[in-house]
N, C-alpha and C. Protein backbone atom coordinates (compact mmCIF):
# COMPACT_ATOMS: atom_id res chain seq x y z
N MET A 1 82.01 105.18 70.82
CA MET A 1 83.04 104.30 70.26
C MET A 1 82.48 102.90 70.04
N GLN A 2 83.00 102.18 69.05
CA GLN A 2 82.60 100.81 68.82
C GLN A 2 83.10 99.94 69.96
N PRO A 3 82.34 98.88 70.33
CA PRO A 3 82.77 98.01 71.42
C PRO A 3 84.20 97.51 71.21
N ASP A 4 85.02 97.70 72.23
CA ASP A 4 86.42 97.27 72.29
C ASP A 4 87.33 97.98 71.28
N ALA A 5 86.84 99.02 70.60
CA ALA A 5 87.70 99.79 69.72
C ALA A 5 88.64 100.63 70.59
N VAL A 6 89.90 100.76 70.15
CA VAL A 6 90.84 101.56 70.91
C VAL A 6 90.59 103.03 70.62
N GLU A 7 90.56 103.82 71.67
CA GLU A 7 90.34 105.26 71.54
C GLU A 7 91.52 105.97 72.18
N GLU A 8 92.29 106.71 71.38
CA GLU A 8 93.38 107.50 71.94
C GLU A 8 92.78 108.76 72.56
N VAL A 9 93.06 108.99 73.84
CA VAL A 9 92.43 110.10 74.55
C VAL A 9 93.50 110.98 75.18
N SER A 10 93.10 112.19 75.50
CA SER A 10 93.98 113.14 76.19
C SER A 10 93.34 113.49 77.52
N ILE A 11 94.12 113.38 78.59
CA ILE A 11 93.61 113.57 79.94
C ILE A 11 94.33 114.76 80.57
N GLY A 12 93.58 115.81 80.84
CA GLY A 12 94.18 116.99 81.44
C GLY A 12 94.26 116.84 82.95
N VAL A 13 95.47 116.99 83.47
CA VAL A 13 95.68 116.95 84.92
C VAL A 13 96.55 118.16 85.28
N GLY A 14 95.94 119.13 85.94
CA GLY A 14 96.68 120.35 86.23
C GLY A 14 97.06 121.04 84.93
N ARG A 15 98.35 121.30 84.76
CA ARG A 15 98.82 122.03 83.58
C ARG A 15 99.31 121.12 82.46
N VAL A 16 99.18 119.82 82.64
CA VAL A 16 99.72 118.90 81.62
C VAL A 16 98.58 118.11 80.98
N GLU A 17 98.84 117.67 79.76
CA GLU A 17 97.95 116.76 79.05
C GLU A 17 98.65 115.42 78.93
N LEU A 18 97.99 114.38 79.38
CA LEU A 18 98.57 113.04 79.38
C LEU A 18 97.83 112.15 78.40
N ALA A 19 98.57 111.36 77.65
CA ALA A 19 97.97 110.48 76.65
C ALA A 19 97.46 109.20 77.29
N GLY A 20 96.36 108.70 76.76
CA GLY A 20 95.80 107.45 77.27
C GLY A 20 95.16 106.64 76.16
N ARG A 21 94.93 105.36 76.46
CA ARG A 21 94.26 104.46 75.52
C ARG A 21 93.08 103.82 76.23
N LEU A 22 91.89 104.15 75.77
CA LEU A 22 90.65 103.65 76.36
C LEU A 22 90.06 102.58 75.45
N ARG A 23 89.66 101.48 76.06
CA ARG A 23 88.92 100.45 75.33
C ARG A 23 87.78 99.98 76.22
N ARG A 24 86.61 99.87 75.61
CA ARG A 24 85.42 99.50 76.38
C ARG A 24 84.65 98.40 75.64
N PRO A 25 84.60 97.20 76.22
CA PRO A 25 83.79 96.16 75.59
C PRO A 25 82.31 96.44 75.76
N ALA A 26 81.50 95.79 74.98
CA ALA A 26 80.06 95.95 75.10
C ALA A 26 79.62 95.50 76.49
N ALA A 27 78.67 96.22 77.07
CA ALA A 27 78.11 95.89 78.39
C ALA A 27 79.20 95.74 79.44
N ALA A 28 80.12 96.69 79.47
CA ALA A 28 81.21 96.64 80.44
C ALA A 28 80.68 96.61 81.86
N ARG A 29 81.32 95.79 82.70
CA ARG A 29 80.87 95.60 84.08
C ARG A 29 81.73 96.38 85.07
N GLY A 30 82.67 97.14 84.58
CA GLY A 30 83.55 97.95 85.41
C GLY A 30 84.65 98.50 84.54
N VAL A 31 85.50 99.33 85.12
CA VAL A 31 86.63 99.88 84.37
C VAL A 31 87.88 99.81 85.23
N VAL A 32 89.00 99.44 84.62
CA VAL A 32 90.27 99.32 85.32
C VAL A 32 91.24 100.35 84.75
N LEU A 33 91.77 101.17 85.64
CA LEU A 33 92.75 102.20 85.30
C LEU A 33 94.13 101.67 85.65
N PHE A 34 95.04 101.67 84.67
CA PHE A 34 96.38 101.12 84.84
C PHE A 34 97.38 102.20 85.24
N ALA A 35 98.23 101.86 86.20
CA ALA A 35 99.34 102.72 86.62
C ALA A 35 100.63 101.96 86.33
N HIS A 36 101.34 102.37 85.30
CA HIS A 36 102.55 101.66 84.88
C HIS A 36 103.72 101.95 85.80
N GLY A 37 104.76 101.16 85.64
CA GLY A 37 105.94 101.31 86.47
C GLY A 37 106.95 102.28 85.90
N SER A 38 108.05 102.42 86.59
CA SER A 38 109.12 103.34 86.23
C SER A 38 109.62 103.09 84.82
N GLY A 39 109.66 104.16 84.02
CA GLY A 39 110.21 104.08 82.67
C GLY A 39 109.28 103.48 81.65
N SER A 40 108.04 103.16 82.05
CA SER A 40 107.08 102.56 81.12
C SER A 40 106.03 103.59 80.74
N SER A 41 105.01 103.13 79.99
CA SER A 41 103.99 104.06 79.49
C SER A 41 102.74 103.28 79.16
N ARG A 42 101.79 103.97 78.54
CA ARG A 42 100.55 103.32 78.11
C ARG A 42 100.81 102.23 77.08
N ARG A 43 102.00 102.23 76.50
CA ARG A 43 102.35 101.22 75.49
C ARG A 43 102.95 99.95 76.11
N SER A 44 103.03 99.88 77.41
CA SER A 44 103.61 98.71 78.09
C SER A 44 103.03 97.41 77.54
N ALA A 45 103.89 96.56 76.99
CA ALA A 45 103.42 95.30 76.41
C ALA A 45 102.77 94.41 77.47
N ARG A 46 103.34 94.40 78.66
CA ARG A 46 102.80 93.54 79.72
C ARG A 46 101.44 94.02 80.20
N ASN A 47 101.33 95.32 80.44
CA ASN A 47 100.04 95.84 80.88
C ASN A 47 98.98 95.71 79.79
N ASN A 48 99.38 95.88 78.55
CA ASN A 48 98.41 95.70 77.46
C ASN A 48 97.95 94.25 77.36
N ALA A 49 98.85 93.32 77.63
CA ALA A 49 98.46 91.91 77.61
C ALA A 49 97.46 91.62 78.72
N VAL A 50 97.70 92.16 79.92
CA VAL A 50 96.76 91.98 81.01
C VAL A 50 95.42 92.64 80.67
N ALA A 51 95.49 93.83 80.09
CA ALA A 51 94.27 94.56 79.74
C ALA A 51 93.40 93.77 78.76
N ARG A 52 94.02 93.06 77.83
CA ARG A 52 93.23 92.25 76.89
C ARG A 52 92.42 91.18 77.61
N THR A 53 93.03 90.56 78.61
CA THR A 53 92.32 89.54 79.39
C THR A 53 91.18 90.17 80.18
N LEU A 54 91.41 91.35 80.74
CA LEU A 54 90.36 92.03 81.49
C LEU A 54 89.17 92.37 80.59
N ARG A 55 89.47 92.84 79.38
CA ARG A 55 88.38 93.18 78.46
C ARG A 55 87.61 91.93 78.04
N ALA A 56 88.32 90.82 77.87
CA ALA A 56 87.64 89.57 77.53
C ALA A 56 86.69 89.14 78.64
N ALA A 57 87.00 89.55 79.87
CA ALA A 57 86.14 89.24 81.01
C ALA A 57 84.99 90.23 81.16
N GLY A 58 85.00 91.31 80.37
CA GLY A 58 83.92 92.27 80.41
C GLY A 58 84.23 93.58 81.10
N LEU A 59 85.51 93.93 81.19
CA LEU A 59 85.91 95.16 81.87
C LEU A 59 86.52 96.15 80.87
N ALA A 60 86.16 97.41 81.00
CA ALA A 60 86.82 98.46 80.22
C ALA A 60 88.20 98.73 80.81
N THR A 61 89.11 99.25 80.01
CA THR A 61 90.47 99.53 80.48
C THR A 61 90.93 100.90 79.98
N LEU A 62 91.68 101.58 80.83
CA LEU A 62 92.35 102.82 80.44
C LEU A 62 93.80 102.72 80.86
N LEU A 63 94.70 102.71 79.86
CA LEU A 63 96.13 102.77 80.11
C LEU A 63 96.57 104.19 79.79
N MET A 64 97.18 104.86 80.76
CA MET A 64 97.56 106.26 80.56
C MET A 64 98.99 106.50 80.98
N ASP A 65 99.61 107.47 80.35
CA ASP A 65 100.93 107.92 80.78
C ASP A 65 100.76 108.73 82.06
N LEU A 66 101.64 108.52 83.01
CA LEU A 66 101.59 109.30 84.24
C LEU A 66 102.56 110.47 84.22
N LEU A 67 103.49 110.45 83.27
CA LEU A 67 104.46 111.54 83.11
C LEU A 67 104.51 111.95 81.63
N THR A 68 104.82 113.19 81.39
CA THR A 68 105.09 113.62 80.02
C THR A 68 106.46 113.07 79.62
N GLU A 69 106.78 113.14 78.34
CA GLU A 69 108.09 112.64 77.88
C GLU A 69 109.22 113.39 78.55
N ALA A 70 109.07 114.70 78.69
CA ALA A 70 110.13 115.49 79.34
C ALA A 70 110.29 115.10 80.80
N GLU A 71 109.17 114.90 81.49
CA GLU A 71 109.23 114.52 82.90
C GLU A 71 109.84 113.14 83.08
N ASP A 72 109.54 112.24 82.17
CA ASP A 72 110.03 110.86 82.29
C ASP A 72 111.54 110.79 82.13
N ALA A 73 112.13 111.79 81.51
CA ALA A 73 113.59 111.82 81.37
C ALA A 73 114.28 112.09 82.70
N ASP A 74 113.53 112.58 83.66
CA ASP A 74 114.03 112.86 85.01
C ASP A 74 113.73 111.64 85.88
N VAL A 75 114.75 110.84 86.18
CA VAL A 75 114.56 109.58 86.90
C VAL A 75 113.88 109.79 88.25
N GLU A 76 114.19 110.89 88.91
CA GLU A 76 113.59 111.14 90.22
C GLU A 76 112.07 111.27 90.13
N ARG A 77 111.58 111.80 89.02
CA ARG A 77 110.13 111.94 88.85
C ARG A 77 109.45 110.58 88.81
N ARG A 78 110.14 109.59 88.27
CA ARG A 78 109.55 108.26 88.15
C ARG A 78 109.25 107.65 89.52
N PHE A 79 109.92 108.16 90.55
CA PHE A 79 109.72 107.62 91.90
C PHE A 79 109.00 108.62 92.81
N ASP A 80 108.44 109.67 92.22
CA ASP A 80 107.68 110.65 92.98
C ASP A 80 106.25 110.13 93.13
N ILE A 81 106.01 109.35 94.18
CA ILE A 81 104.73 108.68 94.33
C ILE A 81 103.58 109.67 94.47
N ALA A 82 103.82 110.79 95.16
CA ALA A 82 102.77 111.80 95.30
C ALA A 82 102.36 112.35 93.94
N LEU A 83 103.34 112.63 93.09
CA LEU A 83 103.05 113.14 91.75
C LEU A 83 102.32 112.09 90.92
N LEU A 84 102.83 110.86 90.94
CA LEU A 84 102.19 109.79 90.17
C LEU A 84 100.75 109.57 90.65
N GLY A 85 100.55 109.66 91.96
CA GLY A 85 99.21 109.51 92.50
C GLY A 85 98.28 110.61 92.04
N THR A 86 98.79 111.84 91.99
CA THR A 86 97.98 112.96 91.51
C THR A 86 97.57 112.75 90.06
N ARG A 87 98.48 112.27 89.24
CA ARG A 87 98.17 112.02 87.84
C ARG A 87 97.14 110.89 87.71
N LEU A 88 97.33 109.84 88.50
CA LEU A 88 96.39 108.72 88.47
C LEU A 88 95.02 109.16 88.96
N GLU A 89 94.99 109.99 89.97
CA GLU A 89 93.72 110.52 90.47
C GLU A 89 93.02 111.33 89.37
N GLY A 90 93.81 112.07 88.59
CA GLY A 90 93.23 112.80 87.46
C GLY A 90 92.61 111.87 86.44
N GLY A 91 93.25 110.72 86.22
CA GLY A 91 92.69 109.73 85.31
C GLY A 91 91.37 109.17 85.83
N ALA A 92 91.31 108.93 87.14
CA ALA A 92 90.07 108.45 87.74
C ALA A 92 88.95 109.47 87.60
N ALA A 93 89.27 110.75 87.79
CA ALA A 93 88.28 111.81 87.64
C ALA A 93 87.79 111.89 86.19
N TRP A 94 88.71 111.72 85.25
CA TRP A 94 88.35 111.73 83.83
C TRP A 94 87.38 110.60 83.52
N LEU A 95 87.64 109.41 84.04
CA LEU A 95 86.75 108.26 83.81
C LEU A 95 85.36 108.51 84.40
N ALA A 96 85.33 109.17 85.55
CA ALA A 96 84.04 109.45 86.20
C ALA A 96 83.21 110.44 85.39
N ARG A 97 83.86 111.30 84.60
CA ARG A 97 83.16 112.31 83.81
C ARG A 97 82.79 111.82 82.41
N ASP A 98 83.61 110.94 81.87
CA ASP A 98 83.44 110.56 80.47
C ASP A 98 82.19 109.67 80.30
N PRO A 99 81.32 109.99 79.35
CA PRO A 99 80.08 109.22 79.19
C PRO A 99 80.30 107.75 78.86
N ARG A 100 81.47 107.40 78.32
CA ARG A 100 81.74 106.01 77.98
C ARG A 100 82.01 105.15 79.21
N THR A 101 82.43 105.79 80.30
CA THR A 101 82.80 105.03 81.50
C THR A 101 82.10 105.52 82.76
N GLN A 102 81.37 106.59 82.65
CA GLN A 102 80.67 107.17 83.80
C GLN A 102 79.75 106.13 84.43
N GLY A 103 79.85 106.01 85.74
CA GLY A 103 78.98 105.08 86.45
C GLY A 103 79.53 103.68 86.60
N LEU A 104 80.63 103.37 85.93
CA LEU A 104 81.24 102.05 86.07
C LEU A 104 82.09 101.99 87.34
N GLY A 105 82.05 100.85 88.03
CA GLY A 105 82.90 100.65 89.19
C GLY A 105 84.36 100.71 88.80
N LEU A 106 85.18 101.34 89.62
CA LEU A 106 86.59 101.60 89.29
C LEU A 106 87.54 100.67 90.04
N GLY A 107 88.42 100.03 89.28
CA GLY A 107 89.53 99.28 89.84
C GLY A 107 90.84 99.87 89.38
N LEU A 108 91.90 99.69 90.17
CA LEU A 108 93.23 100.18 89.82
C LEU A 108 94.19 99.01 89.70
N PHE A 109 94.99 99.01 88.63
CA PHE A 109 96.01 97.98 88.42
C PHE A 109 97.36 98.68 88.37
N GLY A 110 98.23 98.39 89.33
CA GLY A 110 99.52 99.05 89.39
C GLY A 110 100.67 98.07 89.22
N ALA A 111 101.66 98.46 88.45
CA ALA A 111 102.87 97.67 88.26
C ALA A 111 104.07 98.46 88.77
N SER A 112 104.98 97.77 89.46
CA SER A 112 106.19 98.39 89.98
C SER A 112 105.84 99.62 90.82
N THR A 113 106.41 100.79 90.51
CA THR A 113 106.10 101.99 91.30
C THR A 113 104.64 102.40 91.15
N GLY A 114 104.01 102.01 90.06
CA GLY A 114 102.60 102.31 89.87
C GLY A 114 101.71 101.69 90.94
N ALA A 115 102.17 100.60 91.56
CA ALA A 115 101.38 99.98 92.62
C ALA A 115 101.29 100.91 93.83
N ALA A 116 102.36 101.60 94.14
CA ALA A 116 102.34 102.55 95.26
C ALA A 116 101.39 103.70 94.95
N ALA A 117 101.43 104.19 93.71
CA ALA A 117 100.52 105.26 93.32
C ALA A 117 99.08 104.80 93.41
N ALA A 118 98.81 103.54 93.03
CA ALA A 118 97.45 103.01 93.09
C ALA A 118 96.95 102.96 94.54
N LEU A 119 97.79 102.52 95.46
CA LEU A 119 97.38 102.48 96.87
C LEU A 119 97.16 103.89 97.41
N ASP A 120 98.02 104.81 97.00
CA ASP A 120 97.88 106.20 97.42
C ASP A 120 96.54 106.77 96.96
N VAL A 121 96.17 106.50 95.72
CA VAL A 121 94.91 107.00 95.18
C VAL A 121 93.72 106.28 95.82
N ALA A 122 93.87 105.01 96.14
CA ALA A 122 92.79 104.28 96.82
C ALA A 122 92.45 104.94 98.15
N VAL A 123 93.47 105.47 98.83
CA VAL A 123 93.22 106.19 100.09
C VAL A 123 92.58 107.55 99.80
N ARG A 124 93.11 108.26 98.81
CA ARG A 124 92.59 109.60 98.48
C ARG A 124 91.12 109.55 98.08
N LEU A 125 90.73 108.55 97.32
CA LEU A 125 89.39 108.49 96.75
C LEU A 125 88.43 107.63 97.54
N GLY A 126 88.91 106.93 98.53
CA GLY A 126 88.02 106.16 99.40
C GLY A 126 87.19 105.15 98.64
N ASP A 127 85.86 105.18 98.86
CA ASP A 127 84.97 104.18 98.29
C ASP A 127 84.86 104.26 96.77
N THR A 128 85.36 105.34 96.17
CA THR A 128 85.34 105.44 94.71
C THR A 128 86.17 104.33 94.08
N VAL A 129 87.27 103.95 94.74
CA VAL A 129 88.11 102.85 94.25
C VAL A 129 87.63 101.56 94.90
N ARG A 130 87.19 100.64 94.08
CA ARG A 130 86.56 99.43 94.61
C ARG A 130 87.50 98.23 94.68
N ALA A 131 88.65 98.31 94.04
CA ALA A 131 89.60 97.20 94.09
C ALA A 131 90.96 97.66 93.57
N VAL A 132 92.02 97.02 94.07
CA VAL A 132 93.39 97.30 93.63
C VAL A 132 94.09 95.98 93.36
N VAL A 133 94.86 95.94 92.27
CA VAL A 133 95.74 94.80 91.98
C VAL A 133 97.13 95.35 91.73
N SER A 134 98.12 94.70 92.32
CA SER A 134 99.52 95.07 92.13
C SER A 134 100.25 93.92 91.44
N ARG A 135 100.98 94.22 90.36
CA ARG A 135 101.78 93.21 89.65
C ARG A 135 103.26 93.52 89.85
N GLY A 136 103.95 92.65 90.57
CA GLY A 136 105.38 92.88 90.78
C GLY A 136 105.63 94.26 91.33
N GLY A 137 104.75 94.71 92.21
CA GLY A 137 104.74 96.10 92.62
C GLY A 137 105.66 96.44 93.77
N ARG A 138 105.78 97.75 93.97
CA ARG A 138 106.49 98.30 95.12
C ARG A 138 105.50 99.03 96.02
N PRO A 139 104.53 98.31 96.58
CA PRO A 139 103.54 98.97 97.44
C PRO A 139 104.16 99.56 98.70
N ASP A 140 105.37 99.12 99.04
CA ASP A 140 106.06 99.68 100.21
C ASP A 140 106.33 101.17 100.04
N LEU A 141 106.40 101.64 98.79
CA LEU A 141 106.66 103.06 98.54
C LEU A 141 105.45 103.93 98.86
N ALA A 142 104.31 103.30 99.11
CA ALA A 142 103.12 104.06 99.52
C ALA A 142 103.21 104.47 100.99
N THR A 143 104.21 103.98 101.70
CA THR A 143 104.52 104.31 103.10
C THR A 143 103.28 104.28 103.98
N GLU A 144 102.91 105.42 104.58
CA GLU A 144 101.86 105.43 105.59
C GLU A 144 100.46 105.22 105.00
N ALA A 145 100.30 105.27 103.70
CA ALA A 145 98.98 105.06 103.10
C ALA A 145 98.52 103.61 103.24
N VAL A 146 99.45 102.68 103.37
CA VAL A 146 99.11 101.26 103.34
C VAL A 146 98.03 100.90 104.34
N GLU A 147 98.19 101.31 105.59
CA GLU A 147 97.22 100.94 106.63
C GLU A 147 95.85 101.56 106.42
N ARG A 148 95.76 102.60 105.58
CA ARG A 148 94.49 103.31 105.40
C ARG A 148 93.74 102.87 104.16
N VAL A 149 94.29 101.95 103.38
CA VAL A 149 93.61 101.43 102.21
C VAL A 149 92.40 100.62 102.65
N ARG A 150 91.25 100.85 102.02
CA ARG A 150 90.04 100.10 102.34
C ARG A 150 89.56 99.25 101.16
N ALA A 151 90.09 99.49 99.99
CA ALA A 151 89.69 98.71 98.82
C ALA A 151 90.31 97.31 98.88
N PRO A 152 89.58 96.28 98.51
CA PRO A 152 90.16 94.93 98.44
C PRO A 152 91.41 94.95 97.56
N THR A 153 92.50 94.39 98.08
CA THR A 153 93.80 94.53 97.43
C THR A 153 94.44 93.17 97.19
N LEU A 154 94.84 92.92 95.94
CA LEU A 154 95.53 91.69 95.55
C LEU A 154 96.96 92.04 95.17
N LEU A 155 97.93 91.42 95.83
CA LEU A 155 99.34 91.59 95.51
C LEU A 155 99.81 90.34 94.77
N ILE A 156 100.31 90.52 93.55
CA ILE A 156 100.82 89.39 92.75
C ILE A 156 102.32 89.57 92.58
N VAL A 157 103.07 88.56 92.97
CA VAL A 157 104.54 88.64 92.94
C VAL A 157 105.10 87.33 92.41
N GLY A 158 106.21 87.42 91.67
CA GLY A 158 106.90 86.22 91.22
C GLY A 158 107.66 85.56 92.36
N GLY A 159 107.62 84.25 92.41
CA GLY A 159 108.30 83.53 93.48
C GLY A 159 109.81 83.69 93.47
N GLU A 160 110.37 83.99 92.30
CA GLU A 160 111.82 84.18 92.19
C GLU A 160 112.22 85.66 92.27
N ASP A 161 111.25 86.53 92.42
CA ASP A 161 111.52 87.96 92.59
C ASP A 161 111.63 88.22 94.10
N ARG A 162 112.72 87.71 94.68
CA ARG A 162 112.75 87.50 96.12
C ARG A 162 112.77 88.78 96.94
N GLU A 163 113.49 89.78 96.51
CA GLU A 163 113.51 91.04 97.27
C GLU A 163 112.14 91.70 97.26
N VAL A 164 111.52 91.77 96.08
CA VAL A 164 110.20 92.37 95.97
C VAL A 164 109.16 91.53 96.71
N LEU A 165 109.32 90.22 96.70
CA LEU A 165 108.40 89.36 97.44
C LEU A 165 108.43 89.66 98.92
N GLU A 166 109.62 89.85 99.47
CA GLU A 166 109.72 90.17 100.90
C GLU A 166 109.09 91.53 101.20
N LEU A 167 109.29 92.49 100.32
CA LEU A 167 108.66 93.80 100.50
C LEU A 167 107.14 93.69 100.48
N ASN A 168 106.62 92.85 99.58
CA ASN A 168 105.18 92.66 99.49
C ASN A 168 104.63 91.92 100.70
N ARG A 169 105.39 90.99 101.22
CA ARG A 169 104.93 90.29 102.42
C ARG A 169 104.82 91.25 103.60
N THR A 170 105.76 92.18 103.68
CA THR A 170 105.70 93.18 104.75
C THR A 170 104.48 94.07 104.60
N VAL A 171 104.21 94.51 103.36
CA VAL A 171 103.04 95.35 103.11
C VAL A 171 101.76 94.56 103.37
N TYR A 172 101.73 93.31 102.94
CA TYR A 172 100.55 92.47 103.15
C TYR A 172 100.18 92.41 104.63
N ALA A 173 101.17 92.28 105.49
CA ALA A 173 100.91 92.22 106.93
C ALA A 173 100.34 93.53 107.45
N ARG A 174 100.65 94.64 106.79
CA ARG A 174 100.18 95.95 107.24
C ARG A 174 98.80 96.30 106.70
N LEU A 175 98.38 95.69 105.60
CA LEU A 175 97.10 96.01 105.00
C LEU A 175 95.96 95.64 105.94
N ARG A 176 94.96 96.50 106.04
CA ARG A 176 93.80 96.26 106.89
C ARG A 176 92.55 95.95 106.06
N ALA A 177 92.63 96.09 104.76
CA ALA A 177 91.51 95.81 103.88
C ALA A 177 91.45 94.31 103.58
N GLU A 178 90.40 93.89 102.89
CA GLU A 178 90.39 92.54 102.32
C GLU A 178 91.62 92.41 101.44
N LYS A 179 92.31 91.29 101.55
CA LYS A 179 93.61 91.21 100.87
C LYS A 179 93.95 89.78 100.50
N GLU A 180 94.86 89.67 99.53
CA GLU A 180 95.40 88.37 99.14
C GLU A 180 96.78 88.59 98.55
N LEU A 181 97.69 87.69 98.85
CA LEU A 181 99.03 87.69 98.28
C LEU A 181 99.17 86.45 97.42
N ALA A 182 99.31 86.63 96.11
CA ALA A 182 99.45 85.52 95.18
C ALA A 182 100.89 85.45 94.70
N VAL A 183 101.54 84.34 94.96
CA VAL A 183 102.94 84.14 94.55
C VAL A 183 102.94 83.16 93.39
N ILE A 184 103.48 83.59 92.26
CA ILE A 184 103.53 82.74 91.07
C ILE A 184 104.87 82.03 91.04
N ALA A 185 104.82 80.75 91.30
CA ALA A 185 106.04 79.94 91.43
C ALA A 185 106.88 80.02 90.15
N GLY A 186 108.18 80.21 90.34
CA GLY A 186 109.11 80.22 89.22
C GLY A 186 109.19 81.50 88.44
N ALA A 187 108.34 82.47 88.76
CA ALA A 187 108.32 83.71 87.99
C ALA A 187 109.29 84.73 88.57
N THR A 188 109.93 85.49 87.69
CA THR A 188 110.82 86.57 88.10
C THR A 188 110.06 87.90 87.99
N HIS A 189 110.78 89.00 88.14
CA HIS A 189 110.13 90.30 88.29
C HIS A 189 109.24 90.68 87.12
N LEU A 190 109.65 90.39 85.90
CA LEU A 190 108.90 90.80 84.72
C LEU A 190 107.93 89.73 84.22
N PHE A 191 107.84 88.61 84.91
CA PHE A 191 106.91 87.53 84.56
C PHE A 191 107.11 87.09 83.11
N GLU A 192 108.38 86.92 82.74
CA GLU A 192 108.71 86.55 81.37
C GLU A 192 108.64 85.05 81.12
N GLU A 193 108.51 84.26 82.17
CA GLU A 193 108.49 82.81 82.04
C GLU A 193 107.18 82.36 81.37
N PRO A 194 107.22 81.24 80.65
CA PRO A 194 106.01 80.76 79.96
C PRO A 194 104.82 80.63 80.91
N GLY A 195 103.74 81.27 80.54
CA GLY A 195 102.51 81.16 81.32
C GLY A 195 102.40 82.09 82.51
N ALA A 196 103.50 82.76 82.89
CA ALA A 196 103.48 83.57 84.11
C ALA A 196 102.59 84.80 83.96
N LEU A 197 102.74 85.54 82.87
CA LEU A 197 101.93 86.75 82.69
C LEU A 197 100.46 86.39 82.49
N GLU A 198 100.23 85.27 81.83
CA GLU A 198 98.84 84.81 81.66
C GLU A 198 98.21 84.52 83.02
N GLU A 199 98.98 83.99 83.95
CA GLU A 199 98.45 83.74 85.29
C GLU A 199 98.18 85.05 86.02
N VAL A 200 99.06 86.04 85.85
CA VAL A 200 98.80 87.36 86.42
C VAL A 200 97.46 87.89 85.91
N ALA A 201 97.26 87.81 84.61
CA ALA A 201 96.03 88.34 84.02
C ALA A 201 94.81 87.59 84.51
N ARG A 202 94.92 86.28 84.63
CA ARG A 202 93.79 85.47 85.11
C ARG A 202 93.42 85.85 86.54
N LEU A 203 94.43 85.97 87.39
CA LEU A 203 94.18 86.33 88.79
C LEU A 203 93.57 87.73 88.89
N ALA A 204 94.11 88.66 88.12
CA ALA A 204 93.60 90.04 88.16
C ALA A 204 92.16 90.10 87.69
N ALA A 205 91.85 89.41 86.60
CA ALA A 205 90.48 89.43 86.08
C ALA A 205 89.50 88.86 87.10
N ALA A 206 89.87 87.76 87.72
CA ALA A 206 88.98 87.15 88.71
C ALA A 206 88.77 88.08 89.90
N TRP A 207 89.85 88.76 90.34
CA TRP A 207 89.75 89.68 91.48
C TRP A 207 88.83 90.87 91.16
N PHE A 208 89.06 91.46 90.00
CA PHE A 208 88.25 92.62 89.63
C PHE A 208 86.79 92.24 89.39
N MET A 209 86.55 91.12 88.73
CA MET A 209 85.17 90.74 88.44
C MET A 209 84.41 90.48 89.74
N ARG A 210 85.04 89.87 90.70
CA ARG A 210 84.36 89.60 91.98
C ARG A 210 84.15 90.86 92.78
N THR A 211 85.19 91.67 92.92
CA THR A 211 85.08 92.84 93.79
C THR A 211 84.25 93.95 93.17
N LEU A 212 84.37 94.16 91.87
CA LEU A 212 83.58 95.21 91.25
C LEU A 212 82.11 94.85 91.21
N SER A 213 81.80 93.57 91.04
CA SER A 213 80.40 93.18 91.01
C SER A 213 79.76 93.21 92.39
N GLN A 214 80.60 93.06 93.43
CA GLN A 214 80.09 93.12 94.80
C GLN A 214 79.75 94.54 95.21
N ALA A 215 80.44 95.50 94.61
CA ALA A 215 80.29 96.89 95.05
C ALA A 215 78.89 97.40 94.75
N GLY A 216 78.40 98.20 95.68
CA GLY A 216 77.07 98.76 95.48
C GLY A 216 77.11 99.95 94.59
């Protein structure tokens, strides 16, 4: 593929085929796999905005659907963290096999319920996952996986997203890995305020570039 050209890909996980969008800048220094939140998809405007900043920093990105269209119509499936984690794990395996991303250090970016799936997969894959970033996430839904995460983990929360902020503070206290909690003053859950999403992207890029480059 041409550097930073979008490539629509199909990722087989078990009996389903999931759609994804892969973009790889020239001389990529790592790859970030996105786990979207409830009711979202690879087309998420917010995650795509963050992904653009990551690519500008030199990281490849894969945004993938974690549910088929039929599955997404079932609200309970959107909160099935074990299922979402299995799908995300399948995406990580696909990246490890694909010649465009094979050998690149792997980071996970999770939003909302996707953050719990990212932490779950970080435990499942161990050292394969080198960093995790959560945007407005529900890492509390990862339950007992939290204490077993070893990948450096950055939790980003809006200062006005008060219920989610408290949940993240509780998870932050339980994390045993290298960790940071970044609170963006004045931002609400969707980071719609001027400059808020840009700050999310800046923080995520800095976290991934440092942690992925440190990894052996």
